[in-house]
Amino acid sequence: MKEVHHRVNNNLAVIGSLLRMQAEAFPDNQVAEALRGSQLRVESMALIHAHLYNSVDWRAVNFATYTTVLAENLFRAYGVDQSRIHLTGGDRFS
C-alpha cells in the first residue's frame, strides 16, 4: 500500500507541476487561468489522497481538517487577502 501511495502521490505532483509550467508559459491569459484551475483540482485530489492514506480508518477522513487545509491552500494559491477574507468556525479556523 505504501508503494501505491508513493506512486499516486508522485504522479499527481508531476501532473500538477506540468499544468503549472504550461499555465506560466501560455500567452493567452484565459487559457492560463483554465490550466491553473486544473492544477488546483489535481492538488485537491492529492490532498484528499494524502488525508486518506494518513487516516487511521481509510474509510473516513476528518472532513473539518481536510476542508481547512484545502481552503488554506486555495487562499494561498489565489492570493486571498486574509485581512479581508478569513475562515471562521471549527477548531483550526481563525
Protein backbone atom coordinates (compact mmCIF):
# COMPACT_ATOMS: atom_id res chain seq x y z
CA MET A 1 0.00 0.00 0.00
CA LYS A 2 2.90 2.32 0.75
CA GLU A 3 4.27 1.83 -2.79
CA VAL A 4 0.87 2.60 -4.33
CA HIS A 5 0.58 5.76 -2.21
CA HIS A 6 4.00 6.98 -3.33
CA ARG A 7 3.24 6.29 -6.99
CA VAL A 8 -0.09 8.09 -6.85
CA ASN A 9 1.46 10.97 -4.91
CA ASN A 10 4.34 11.31 -7.39
CA ASN A 11 2.05 11.12 -10.42
CA LEU A 12 -0.26 13.81 -9.04
CA ALA A 13 2.74 16.01 -8.24
CA VAL A 14 4.08 15.61 -11.81
CA ILE A 15 0.68 16.41 -13.33
CA GLY A 16 0.29 19.48 -11.09
CA SER A 17 3.78 20.70 -11.98
CA LEU A 18 3.21 20.23 -15.71
CA LEU A 19 -0.06 22.17 -15.52
CA ARG A 20 1.64 24.98 -13.56
CA MET A 21 4.51 25.19 -16.08
CA GLN A 22 2.07 25.26 -19.00
CA ALA A 23 -0.01 27.98 -17.33
CA GLU A 24 3.08 30.12 -16.71
CA ALA A 25 4.25 29.74 -20.30
CA PHE A 26 0.90 30.24 -22.04
CA PRO A 27 0.43 33.70 -23.57
CA ASP A 28 -3.40 33.57 -23.54
CA ASN A 29 -4.49 34.58 -20.03
CA GLN A 30 -7.86 32.83 -20.32
CA VAL A 31 -6.21 29.50 -21.18
CA ALA A 32 -3.57 30.01 -18.47
CA GLU A 33 -6.33 30.51 -15.88
CA ALA A 34 -8.06 27.32 -17.05
CA LEU A 35 -4.77 25.43 -16.65
CA ARG A 36 -4.31 26.88 -13.15
CA GLY A 37 -7.83 25.74 -12.28
CA SER A 38 -6.93 22.23 -13.41
CA GLN A 39 -3.74 22.40 -11.37
CA LEU A 40 -5.75 23.31 -8.25
CA ARG A 41 -8.11 20.39 -8.84
CA VAL A 42 -5.17 17.99 -9.14
CA GLU A 43 -3.71 19.41 -5.92
CA SER A 44 -7.09 18.90 -4.23
CA MET A 45 -7.06 15.25 -5.30
CA ALA A 46 -3.54 14.89 -3.93
CA LEU A 47 -4.66 16.43 -0.65
CA ILE A 48 -7.61 14.07 -0.18
CA HIS A 49 -5.39 11.13 -1.17
CA ALA A 50 -2.83 12.12 1.48
CA HIS A 51 -5.55 12.51 4.12
CA LEU A 52 -6.95 9.07 3.27
CA TYR A 53 -3.51 7.50 3.36
CA ASN A 54 -2.61 9.09 6.71
CA SER A 55 -6.01 8.29 8.21
CA VAL A 56 -6.31 5.60 10.88
CA ASP A 57 -9.53 4.43 9.23
CA TRP A 58 -9.20 4.57 5.44
CA ARG A 59 -12.97 4.61 5.06
CA ALA A 60 -13.21 8.07 6.60
CA VAL A 61 -11.47 11.43 6.54
CA ASN A 62 -11.62 14.14 9.18
CA PHE A 63 -13.63 16.48 6.99
CA ALA A 64 -13.06 19.57 9.15
CA THR A 65 -9.29 19.17 8.90
CA TYR A 66 -9.46 18.39 5.18
CA THR A 67 -11.61 21.43 4.35
CA THR A 68 -9.43 23.72 6.45
CA VAL A 69 -6.23 22.60 4.72
CA LEU A 70 -7.95 22.76 1.32
CA ALA A 71 -9.24 26.29 1.98
CA GLU A 72 -5.83 27.45 3.23
CA ASN A 73 -4.20 26.09 0.07
CA LEU A 74 -6.80 27.76 -2.15
CA PHE A 75 -6.39 31.07 -0.29
CA ARG A 76 -2.63 30.88 -0.83
CA ALA A 77 -2.97 29.82 -4.49
CA TYR A 78 -5.39 32.64 -5.30
CA GLY A 79 -3.54 35.25 -3.22
CA VAL A 80 -6.53 35.95 -0.96
CA ASP A 81 -6.03 38.95 1.30
CA GLN A 82 -6.65 37.32 4.68
CA SER A 83 -7.17 40.68 6.33
CA ARG A 84 -10.33 40.97 4.21
CA ILE A 85 -11.43 37.32 3.91
CA HIS A 86 -10.82 34.65 6.53
CA LEU A 87 -12.12 31.26 7.63
CA THR A 88 -14.36 31.01 10.67
CA GLY A 89 -15.67 28.12 12.79
CA GLY A 90 -14.22 24.75 13.75
CA ASP A 91 -11.07 24.01 15.72
CA ARG A 92 -8.48 25.12 13.15
CA PHE A 93 -10.41 28.04 11.72
CA SER A 94 -9.45 31.57 12.70
